[in-house]
Amino acid sequence: MAYPDYSLLARQLEALLDDSDWLVNAAQTSAFIMQQVPELNWAGFYLQRQPELLTLGPFQGKPACNPIPFAKGVCGAAARSRRTQRIDDVHAVADHIACDAASNAELVVPIVREGALWGVLDLDSPQPGRFVESDQAGIEALMRVFVARTDLPDFLASR
């Protein structure tokens, strides 16, 4: 499989995100990643709109699980630790939340705004071991573009 040129994708995403609206940018980013990164069956955002809980945001793919507590699954682990989770075989993760039985590998990147977790980007693939170090670095770079080009609201402050 040919891996994407993430530096090119970062420049393209920067050009695509010409509005700072978080909802527009999250929708555009999930669609862009789904279109440009091969072998994905789901790409989207989960947002921290309540303490210790992720709520489904803009995404591409089959209907998804909602909500996801920080205490469960790969997305919860990324939210808890604020560290990217790259999982070769999701079925080997004891508390994996299986929204789509076709998913075998997962990459989840936390999105931090001013020291606070805003949400996570979740990518799923039917291909076991789909995500390698270059994918992780490339997707993390795309999330830096997303954060730089987007006014991320503080959902918890508005509660």
N, C-alpha and C. Protein backbone atom coordinates (compact mmCIF):
# COMPACT_ATOMS: atom_id res chain seq x y z
N MET A 1 0.85 -1.19 0.00
CA MET A 1 0.00 0.00 0.00
C MET A 1 0.89 1.24 0.00
N ALA A 2 0.54 2.20 -0.81
CA ALA A 2 1.25 3.47 -0.84
C ALA A 2 0.69 4.37 0.26
N TYR A 3 1.59 4.92 1.06
CA TYR A 3 1.15 5.80 2.14
C TYR A 3 1.07 7.23 1.64
N PRO A 4 0.15 8.01 2.19
CA PRO A 4 -0.04 9.38 1.72
C PRO A 4 1.17 10.27 1.99
N ASP A 5 1.30 11.30 1.20
CA ASP A 5 2.30 12.35 1.42
C ASP A 5 1.66 13.34 2.40
N TYR A 6 1.93 13.14 3.68
CA TYR A 6 1.26 13.94 4.70
C TYR A 6 1.65 15.41 4.67
N SER A 7 2.85 15.73 4.21
CA SER A 7 3.21 17.15 4.11
C SER A 7 2.35 17.83 3.05
N LEU A 8 2.09 17.14 1.95
CA LEU A 8 1.18 17.67 0.93
C LEU A 8 -0.24 17.77 1.48
N LEU A 9 -0.69 16.74 2.20
CA LEU A 9 -2.03 16.77 2.77
C LEU A 9 -2.18 17.91 3.76
N ALA A 10 -1.14 18.20 4.54
CA ALA A 10 -1.21 19.31 5.50
C ALA A 10 -1.39 20.64 4.77
N ARG A 11 -0.68 20.82 3.67
CA ARG A 11 -0.84 22.07 2.89
C ARG A 11 -2.24 22.15 2.28
N GLN A 12 -2.74 21.03 1.79
CA GLN A 12 -4.09 21.01 1.21
C GLN A 12 -5.15 21.29 2.27
N LEU A 13 -4.99 20.69 3.46
CA LEU A 13 -5.95 20.92 4.53
C LEU A 13 -5.92 22.37 4.97
N GLU A 14 -4.74 22.95 5.06
CA GLU A 14 -4.63 24.36 5.44
C GLU A 14 -5.39 25.24 4.45
N ALA A 15 -5.30 24.94 3.16
CA ALA A 15 -6.01 25.71 2.14
C ALA A 15 -7.52 25.47 2.23
N LEU A 16 -7.93 24.26 2.58
CA LEU A 16 -9.34 23.91 2.67
C LEU A 16 -10.02 24.62 3.83
N LEU A 17 -9.31 24.77 4.95
CA LEU A 17 -9.90 25.36 6.16
C LEU A 17 -9.76 26.88 6.12
N ASP A 18 -10.60 27.52 5.30
CA ASP A 18 -10.52 28.96 5.14
C ASP A 18 -11.49 29.71 6.04
N ASP A 19 -12.17 28.99 6.90
CA ASP A 19 -13.11 29.57 7.85
C ASP A 19 -12.69 29.04 9.22
N SER A 20 -12.81 29.82 10.26
CA SER A 20 -12.36 29.36 11.57
C SER A 20 -13.44 28.64 12.36
N ASP A 21 -14.63 28.46 11.78
CA ASP A 21 -15.75 27.82 12.46
C ASP A 21 -15.43 26.35 12.77
N TRP A 22 -15.52 25.96 14.03
CA TRP A 22 -15.12 24.61 14.44
C TRP A 22 -15.96 23.53 13.79
N LEU A 23 -17.26 23.77 13.64
CA LEU A 23 -18.13 22.74 13.09
C LEU A 23 -17.83 22.51 11.61
N VAL A 24 -17.70 23.61 10.86
CA VAL A 24 -17.35 23.52 9.43
C VAL A 24 -16.00 22.82 9.27
N ASN A 25 -15.02 23.25 10.07
CA ASN A 25 -13.68 22.69 9.93
C ASN A 25 -13.61 21.22 10.34
N ALA A 26 -14.34 20.84 11.36
CA ALA A 26 -14.35 19.44 11.77
C ALA A 26 -15.01 18.57 10.69
N ALA A 27 -16.09 19.07 10.11
CA ALA A 27 -16.76 18.33 9.03
C ALA A 27 -15.84 18.22 7.81
N GLN A 28 -15.23 19.32 7.43
CA GLN A 28 -14.32 19.32 6.27
C GLN A 28 -13.12 18.41 6.52
N THR A 29 -12.56 18.48 7.72
CA THR A 29 -11.38 17.68 8.03
C THR A 29 -11.69 16.20 8.01
N SER A 30 -12.81 15.79 8.59
CA SER A 30 -13.14 14.35 8.58
C SER A 30 -13.39 13.87 7.15
N ALA A 31 -14.06 14.66 6.33
CA ALA A 31 -14.30 14.28 4.94
C ALA A 31 -12.99 14.22 4.15
N PHE A 32 -12.12 15.21 4.37
CA PHE A 32 -10.83 15.27 3.68
C PHE A 32 -9.98 14.04 4.02
N ILE A 33 -9.89 13.70 5.30
CA ILE A 33 -9.09 12.55 5.71
C ILE A 33 -9.68 11.26 5.14
N MET A 34 -11.00 11.12 5.19
CA MET A 34 -11.64 9.91 4.66
C MET A 34 -11.34 9.75 3.17
N GLN A 35 -11.30 10.88 2.45
CA GLN A 35 -11.06 10.85 1.01
C GLN A 35 -9.59 10.62 0.68
N GLN A 36 -8.69 11.17 1.47
CA GLN A 36 -7.27 11.19 1.11
C GLN A 36 -6.41 10.08 1.73
N VAL A 37 -6.86 9.51 2.82
CA VAL A 37 -6.09 8.47 3.50
C VAL A 37 -6.71 7.12 3.15
N PRO A 38 -5.94 6.23 2.53
CA PRO A 38 -6.51 4.96 2.07
C PRO A 38 -6.81 3.99 3.22
N GLU A 39 -7.72 3.07 2.92
CA GLU A 39 -8.07 1.95 3.79
C GLU A 39 -8.65 2.39 5.14
N LEU A 40 -9.54 3.39 5.10
CA LEU A 40 -10.28 3.78 6.29
C LEU A 40 -11.74 3.40 6.11
N ASN A 41 -12.40 3.04 7.19
CA ASN A 41 -13.84 2.84 7.13
C ASN A 41 -14.58 3.80 8.07
N TRP A 42 -13.81 4.64 8.79
CA TRP A 42 -14.44 5.65 9.65
C TRP A 42 -13.40 6.71 9.97
N ALA A 43 -13.81 7.96 9.93
CA ALA A 43 -12.94 9.08 10.29
C ALA A 43 -13.81 10.16 10.90
N GLY A 44 -13.51 10.55 12.13
CA GLY A 44 -14.33 11.59 12.73
C GLY A 44 -13.87 12.02 14.10
N PHE A 45 -14.64 12.94 14.64
CA PHE A 45 -14.32 13.58 15.91
C PHE A 45 -15.27 13.13 17.01
N TYR A 46 -14.71 13.00 18.20
CA TYR A 46 -15.48 12.90 19.43
C TYR A 46 -15.08 14.11 20.27
N LEU A 47 -16.04 14.80 20.84
CA LEU A 47 -15.82 16.05 21.55
C LEU A 47 -16.05 15.88 23.04
N GLN A 48 -15.25 16.57 23.85
CA GLN A 48 -15.49 16.56 25.29
C GLN A 48 -16.45 17.70 25.61
N ARG A 49 -17.73 17.38 25.65
CA ARG A 49 -18.75 18.37 25.95
C ARG A 49 -19.24 18.25 27.39
N GLN A 50 -18.84 17.16 28.05
CA GLN A 50 -19.15 16.93 29.46
C GLN A 50 -17.89 16.33 30.09
N PRO A 51 -17.70 16.53 31.38
CA PRO A 51 -16.51 15.96 32.03
C PRO A 51 -16.44 14.44 31.85
N GLU A 52 -15.24 13.97 31.51
CA GLU A 52 -14.96 12.53 31.42
C GLU A 52 -15.84 11.77 30.43
N LEU A 53 -16.35 12.48 29.41
CA LEU A 53 -17.24 11.85 28.44
C LEU A 53 -17.00 12.45 27.06
N LEU A 54 -16.90 11.59 26.05
CA LEU A 54 -16.76 12.02 24.66
C LEU A 54 -18.10 11.88 23.95
N THR A 55 -18.48 12.92 23.21
CA THR A 55 -19.74 12.94 22.47
C THR A 55 -19.42 12.98 20.98
N LEU A 56 -20.16 12.24 20.20
CA LEU A 56 -19.95 12.16 18.75
C LEU A 56 -20.02 13.54 18.11
N GLY A 57 -19.06 13.82 17.25
CA GLY A 57 -19.01 15.05 16.47
C GLY A 57 -19.07 14.71 14.98
N PRO A 58 -18.68 15.65 14.12
CA PRO A 58 -18.69 15.39 12.68
C PRO A 58 -17.83 14.18 12.31
N PHE A 59 -18.34 13.36 11.39
CA PHE A 59 -17.62 12.15 10.99
C PHE A 59 -18.03 11.70 9.60
N GLN A 60 -17.28 10.75 9.07
CA GLN A 60 -17.56 10.06 7.83
C GLN A 60 -17.54 8.57 8.12
N GLY A 61 -18.58 7.85 7.71
CA GLY A 61 -18.62 6.41 7.92
C GLY A 61 -19.97 5.98 8.44
N LYS A 62 -20.03 4.75 8.93
CA LYS A 62 -21.28 4.20 9.46
C LYS A 62 -21.65 4.91 10.76
N PRO A 63 -22.93 4.85 11.16
CA PRO A 63 -23.33 5.42 12.46
C PRO A 63 -22.40 4.89 13.56
N ALA A 64 -22.16 5.75 14.54
CA ALA A 64 -21.12 5.46 15.53
C ALA A 64 -21.68 5.35 16.95
N CYS A 65 -20.85 4.82 17.83
CA CYS A 65 -21.19 4.70 19.24
C CYS A 65 -21.18 6.09 19.89
N ASN A 66 -22.11 6.32 20.79
CA ASN A 66 -22.20 7.59 21.49
C ASN A 66 -22.99 7.40 22.76
N PRO A 67 -22.54 7.97 23.87
CA PRO A 67 -21.25 8.62 24.11
C PRO A 67 -20.20 7.59 24.46
N ILE A 68 -18.94 8.05 24.61
CA ILE A 68 -17.84 7.19 25.01
C ILE A 68 -17.24 7.75 26.30
N PRO A 69 -17.31 6.99 27.39
CA PRO A 69 -16.69 7.46 28.62
C PRO A 69 -15.16 7.38 28.53
N PHE A 70 -14.48 8.28 29.20
CA PHE A 70 -13.02 8.27 29.23
C PHE A 70 -12.49 6.93 29.72
N ALA A 71 -13.27 6.21 30.51
CA ALA A 71 -12.83 4.96 31.12
C ALA A 71 -12.86 3.77 30.17
N LYS A 72 -13.37 3.95 28.95
CA LYS A 72 -13.52 2.80 28.06
C LYS A 72 -12.95 3.06 26.67
N GLY A 73 -12.44 1.99 26.09
CA GLY A 73 -12.06 1.98 24.69
C GLY A 73 -10.80 2.77 24.36
N VAL A 74 -10.46 2.73 23.08
CA VAL A 74 -9.26 3.39 22.57
C VAL A 74 -9.44 4.91 22.61
N CYS A 75 -10.62 5.39 22.25
CA CYS A 75 -10.88 6.84 22.32
C CYS A 75 -10.80 7.32 23.76
N GLY A 76 -11.36 6.56 24.69
CA GLY A 76 -11.28 6.92 26.10
C GLY A 76 -9.84 6.96 26.59
N ALA A 77 -9.02 6.00 26.14
CA ALA A 77 -7.61 5.97 26.54
C ALA A 77 -6.87 7.21 26.01
N ALA A 78 -7.16 7.61 24.79
CA ALA A 78 -6.53 8.81 24.23
C ALA A 78 -6.96 10.05 25.00
N ALA A 79 -8.24 10.11 25.37
CA ALA A 79 -8.75 11.25 26.13
C ALA A 79 -8.14 11.30 27.53
N ARG A 80 -8.08 10.16 28.20
CA ARG A 80 -7.52 10.07 29.56
C ARG A 80 -6.04 10.46 29.59
N SER A 81 -5.28 9.90 28.66
CA SER A 81 -3.83 10.05 28.68
C SER A 81 -3.35 11.29 27.90
N ARG A 82 -4.24 11.80 27.05
CA ARG A 82 -3.87 12.89 26.12
C ARG A 82 -2.67 12.49 25.26
N ARG A 83 -2.62 11.20 24.92
CA ARG A 83 -1.58 10.65 24.07
C ARG A 83 -2.23 9.88 22.93
N THR A 84 -1.62 9.98 21.75
CA THR A 84 -2.13 9.25 20.59
C THR A 84 -2.09 7.75 20.86
N GLN A 85 -3.16 7.10 20.45
CA GLN A 85 -3.28 5.64 20.57
C GLN A 85 -3.24 5.05 19.16
N ARG A 86 -2.26 4.19 18.90
CA ARG A 86 -2.14 3.51 17.60
C ARG A 86 -2.25 2.02 17.88
N ILE A 87 -3.36 1.44 17.44
CA ILE A 87 -3.69 0.05 17.79
C ILE A 87 -3.72 -0.79 16.51
N ASP A 88 -2.87 -1.82 16.47
CA ASP A 88 -2.81 -2.70 15.30
C ASP A 88 -4.00 -3.65 15.22
N ASP A 89 -4.47 -4.11 16.39
CA ASP A 89 -5.57 -5.07 16.45
C ASP A 89 -6.52 -4.67 17.58
N VAL A 90 -7.61 -4.02 17.22
CA VAL A 90 -8.54 -3.53 18.24
C VAL A 90 -9.18 -4.67 19.03
N HIS A 91 -9.23 -5.85 18.44
CA HIS A 91 -9.85 -6.99 19.13
C HIS A 91 -8.99 -7.49 20.29
N ALA A 92 -7.72 -7.07 20.34
CA ALA A 92 -6.83 -7.43 21.43
C ALA A 92 -6.96 -6.46 22.61
N VAL A 93 -7.73 -5.38 22.43
CA VAL A 93 -7.94 -4.39 23.48
C VAL A 93 -9.18 -4.82 24.27
N ALA A 94 -8.98 -5.12 25.54
CA ALA A 94 -10.05 -5.71 26.36
C ALA A 94 -11.32 -4.86 26.39
N ASP A 95 -11.18 -3.54 26.48
CA ASP A 95 -12.38 -2.70 26.59
C ASP A 95 -12.70 -1.94 25.30
N HIS A 96 -12.25 -2.50 24.16
CA HIS A 96 -12.54 -1.87 22.87
C HIS A 96 -14.04 -1.75 22.67
N ILE A 97 -14.47 -0.61 22.17
CA ILE A 97 -15.89 -0.38 21.88
C ILE A 97 -16.08 -0.64 20.39
N ALA A 98 -16.78 -1.71 20.05
CA ALA A 98 -16.93 -2.12 18.66
C ALA A 98 -18.19 -1.50 18.06
N CYS A 99 -18.03 -0.39 17.36
CA CYS A 99 -19.16 0.24 16.67
C CYS A 99 -19.39 -0.42 15.32
N ASP A 100 -18.30 -0.80 14.65
CA ASP A 100 -18.37 -1.44 13.34
C ASP A 100 -17.50 -2.69 13.39
N ALA A 101 -18.11 -3.84 13.24
CA ALA A 101 -17.37 -5.11 13.32
C ALA A 101 -16.28 -5.20 12.27
N ALA A 102 -16.34 -4.40 11.21
CA ALA A 102 -15.33 -4.43 10.16
C ALA A 102 -14.04 -3.74 10.58
N SER A 103 -14.07 -2.95 11.64
CA SER A 103 -12.87 -2.24 12.07
C SER A 103 -11.90 -3.18 12.77
N ASN A 104 -10.63 -3.11 12.36
CA ASN A 104 -9.59 -3.95 12.94
C ASN A 104 -8.42 -3.17 13.53
N ALA A 105 -8.17 -1.97 13.01
CA ALA A 105 -7.07 -1.12 13.50
C ALA A 105 -7.63 0.26 13.78
N GLU A 106 -6.96 0.99 14.70
CA GLU A 106 -7.48 2.30 15.09
C GLU A 106 -6.33 3.24 15.42
N LEU A 107 -6.53 4.50 15.07
CA LEU A 107 -5.59 5.57 15.42
C LEU A 107 -6.43 6.70 16.00
N VAL A 108 -6.13 7.10 17.24
CA VAL A 108 -6.89 8.15 17.91
C VAL A 108 -5.91 9.22 18.39
N VAL A 109 -6.14 10.46 17.92
CA VAL A 109 -5.27 11.58 18.26
C VAL A 109 -6.04 12.56 19.15
N PRO A 110 -5.53 12.83 20.36
CA PRO A 110 -6.19 13.83 21.21
C PRO A 110 -5.99 15.23 20.67
N ILE A 111 -6.99 16.08 20.86
CA ILE A 111 -6.93 17.48 20.43
C ILE A 111 -7.01 18.32 21.70
N VAL A 112 -5.91 19.02 21.97
CA VAL A 112 -5.79 19.80 23.20
C VAL A 112 -5.80 21.28 22.84
N ARG A 113 -6.62 22.03 23.56
CA ARG A 113 -6.75 23.47 23.37
C ARG A 113 -6.38 24.15 24.68
N GLU A 114 -5.35 24.97 24.66
CA GLU A 114 -4.93 25.72 25.85
C GLU A 114 -4.82 24.82 27.08
N GLY A 115 -4.22 23.67 26.90
CA GLY A 115 -4.01 22.74 28.01
C GLY A 115 -5.19 21.85 28.37
N ALA A 116 -6.34 22.08 27.74
CA ALA A 116 -7.54 21.29 28.04
C ALA A 116 -7.90 20.41 26.84
N LEU A 117 -8.35 19.19 27.14
CA LEU A 117 -8.78 18.30 26.06
C LEU A 117 -10.05 18.84 25.43
N TRP A 118 -10.03 19.04 24.12
CA TRP A 118 -11.20 19.49 23.36
C TRP A 118 -11.96 18.29 22.81
N GLY A 119 -11.21 17.31 22.38
CA GLY A 119 -11.80 16.11 21.80
C GLY A 119 -10.72 15.21 21.24
N VAL A 120 -11.13 14.26 20.41
CA VAL A 120 -10.18 13.36 19.75
C VAL A 120 -10.60 13.19 18.29
N LEU A 121 -9.61 12.91 17.46
CA LEU A 121 -9.87 12.46 16.09
C LEU A 121 -9.70 10.95 16.11
N ASP A 122 -10.69 10.24 15.61
CA ASP A 122 -10.69 8.78 15.61
C ASP A 122 -10.68 8.29 14.17
N LEU A 123 -9.72 7.44 13.83
CA LEU A 123 -9.66 6.81 12.51
C LEU A 123 -9.71 5.30 12.70
N ASP A 124 -10.56 4.64 11.94
CA ASP A 124 -10.68 3.18 11.97
C ASP A 124 -10.37 2.62 10.60
N SER A 125 -9.82 1.41 10.59
CA SER A 125 -9.50 0.73 9.34
C SER A 125 -9.88 -0.74 9.43
N PRO A 126 -10.37 -1.32 8.33
CA PRO A 126 -10.62 -2.75 8.31
C PRO A 126 -9.32 -3.56 8.19
N GLN A 127 -8.21 -2.89 7.85
CA GLN A 127 -6.92 -3.54 7.64
C GLN A 127 -6.15 -3.66 8.95
N PRO A 128 -5.92 -4.87 9.47
CA PRO A 128 -5.13 -5.01 10.70
C PRO A 128 -3.74 -4.38 10.50
N GLY A 129 -3.23 -3.70 11.52
CA GLY A 129 -1.92 -3.09 11.43
C GLY A 129 -1.83 -1.94 10.44
N ARG A 130 -2.96 -1.37 10.07
CA ARG A 130 -3.01 -0.34 9.03
C ARG A 130 -2.16 0.89 9.33
N PHE A 131 -2.10 1.31 10.59
CA PHE A 131 -1.45 2.57 10.94
C PHE A 131 -0.02 2.34 11.40
N VAL A 132 0.92 3.01 10.74
CA VAL A 132 2.34 2.92 11.08
C VAL A 132 2.78 4.27 11.66
N GLU A 133 4.04 4.35 12.08
CA GLU A 133 4.54 5.58 12.69
C GLU A 133 4.35 6.79 11.80
N SER A 134 4.56 6.64 10.48
CA SER A 134 4.41 7.79 9.58
C SER A 134 2.96 8.25 9.50
N ASP A 135 2.01 7.33 9.63
CA ASP A 135 0.60 7.73 9.69
C ASP A 135 0.33 8.53 10.96
N GLN A 136 0.85 8.03 12.07
CA GLN A 136 0.64 8.73 13.34
C GLN A 136 1.21 10.15 13.27
N ALA A 137 2.44 10.28 12.82
CA ALA A 137 3.07 11.60 12.71
C ALA A 137 2.31 12.49 11.74
N GLY A 138 1.88 11.91 10.62
CA GLY A 138 1.15 12.68 9.61
C GLY A 138 -0.21 13.15 10.08
N ILE A 139 -0.95 12.28 10.75
CA ILE A 139 -2.28 12.66 11.26
C ILE A 139 -2.14 13.66 12.40
N GLU A 140 -1.12 13.48 13.25
CA GLU A 140 -0.87 14.48 14.30
C GLU A 140 -0.57 15.85 13.68
N ALA A 141 0.17 15.87 12.58
CA ALA A 141 0.46 17.13 11.88
C ALA A 141 -0.82 17.74 11.31
N LEU A 142 -1.71 16.90 10.78
CA LEU A 142 -2.99 17.41 10.28
C LEU A 142 -3.82 18.00 11.41
N MET A 143 -3.76 17.39 12.59
CA MET A 143 -4.50 17.94 13.73
C MET A 143 -3.90 19.27 14.20
N ARG A 144 -2.59 19.45 14.05
CA ARG A 144 -1.99 20.75 14.37
C ARG A 144 -2.52 21.82 13.40
N VAL A 145 -2.68 21.47 12.13
CA VAL A 145 -3.26 22.40 11.15
C VAL A 145 -4.70 22.71 11.56
N PHE A 146 -5.47 21.68 11.89
CA PHE A 146 -6.86 21.87 12.30
C PHE A 146 -6.96 22.82 13.49
N VAL A 147 -6.15 22.60 14.51
CA VAL A 147 -6.19 23.45 15.70
C VAL A 147 -5.77 24.88 15.37
N ALA A 148 -4.74 25.03 14.56
CA ALA A 148 -4.25 26.37 14.22
C ALA A 148 -5.27 27.17 13.40
N ARG A 149 -6.07 26.49 12.59
CA ARG A 149 -7.01 27.16 11.69
C ARG A 149 -8.43 27.25 12.25
N THR A 150 -8.64 26.78 13.48
CA THR A 150 -10.00 26.63 14.00
C THR A 150 -10.15 27.32 15.35
N ASP A 151 -11.27 28.03 15.53
CA ASP A 151 -11.64 28.57 16.83
C ASP A 151 -12.35 27.45 17.60
N LEU A 152 -11.63 26.82 18.51
CA LEU A 152 -12.19 25.70 19.25
C LEU A 152 -12.88 26.23 20.50
N PRO A 153 -14.20 26.04 20.60
CA PRO A 153 -14.90 26.52 21.79
C PRO A 153 -14.55 25.66 23.00
N ASP A 154 -14.66 26.25 24.17
CA ASP A 154 -14.51 25.52 25.41
C ASP A 154 -15.89 25.04 25.83
N PHE A 155 -16.21 23.81 25.42
CA PHE A 155 -17.55 23.28 25.69
C PHE A 155 -17.85 23.18 27.18
N LEU A 156 -16.84 22.85 27.98
CA LEU A 156 -17.07 22.66 29.42
C LEU A 156 -17.33 23.99 30.13
N ALA A 157 -16.74 25.07 29.64
CA ALA A 157 -16.95 26.37 30.27
C ALA A 157 -18.37 26.88 30.05
N SER A 158 -19.02 26.41 28.99
CA SER A 158 -20.36 26.89 28.67
C SER A 158 -21.45 26.11 29.39
N ARG A 159 -21.07 25.15 30.22
CA ARG A 159 -22.07 24.32 30.93
C ARG A 159 -22.52 25.00 32.19
